[in-house]
Amino acid sequence: MRDVRVPPQRTETDEPARRRPEDVPTQEMPVIPADADEQESVLVRGRE
């Protein structure tokens, strides 16, 4: 968990991580792809 929270590029605390969600795809990534997947699934199902 420590490696995922603090990538090799940045060695700062969680403060900057929360400030820039773009630089921290760790917490935001799991949320963004999840929504995109759900939306895509709905669109695909609707087309089919």
Protein backbone atom coordinates (compact mmCIF):
# COMPACT_ATOMS: atom_id res chain seq x y z
CA MET A 1 0.00 0.00 0.00
CA ARG A 2 2.85 2.38 0.76
CA ASP A 3 4.32 1.91 -2.74
CA VAL A 4 0.97 2.61 -4.36
CA ARG A 5 0.26 5.63 -2.21
CA VAL A 6 3.71 7.16 -2.79
CA PRO A 7 4.83 6.59 -6.38
CA PRO A 8 8.56 6.88 -7.21
CA GLN A 9 7.91 10.17 -9.04
CA ARG A 10 6.67 12.02 -5.96
CA THR A 11 7.79 11.53 -2.36
CA GLU A 12 5.40 13.98 -0.71
CA THR A 13 2.66 13.40 1.86
CA ASP A 14 -1.02 12.75 1.15
CA GLU A 15 -1.71 16.50 1.17
CA PRO A 16 -0.46 17.17 -2.40
CA ALA A 17 -1.93 13.86 -3.50
CA ARG A 18 -5.43 14.91 -2.47
CA ARG A 19 -4.91 18.36 -3.97
CA ARG A 20 -4.02 16.97 -7.41
CA PRO A 21 -6.18 13.94 -8.25
CA GLU A 22 -4.61 13.92 -11.72
CA ASP A 23 -1.15 13.22 -10.28
CA VAL A 24 -2.64 10.58 -7.99
CA PRO A 25 -4.44 8.08 -10.23
CA THR A 26 -4.21 5.63 -7.36
CA GLN A 27 -7.39 6.71 -5.58
CA GLU A 28 -9.06 8.46 -8.53
CA MET A 29 -8.26 5.78 -11.11
CA PRO A 30 -10.35 3.05 -9.49
CA VAL A 31 -13.24 5.51 -9.35
CA ILE A 32 -12.98 6.94 -12.88
CA PRO A 33 -12.66 3.61 -14.79
CA ALA A 34 -15.47 2.18 -12.69
CA ASP A 35 -17.84 4.93 -13.81
CA ALA A 36 -16.64 4.77 -17.41
CA ASP A 37 -17.08 1.00 -17.45
CA GLU A 38 -20.61 1.30 -16.14
CA GLN A 39 -21.51 4.00 -18.65
CA GLU A 40 -19.97 2.05 -21.52
CA SER A 41 -21.78 -1.12 -20.47
CA VAL A 42 -25.07 0.78 -20.47
CA LEU A 43 -24.39 2.30 -23.88
CA VAL A 44 -23.35 -1.05 -25.34
CA ARG A 45 -26.41 -2.78 -23.90
CA GLY A 46 -28.68 -0.06 -25.21
CA ARG A 47 -27.18 -0.39 -28.72
CA GLU A 48 -27.49 -4.16 -28.69
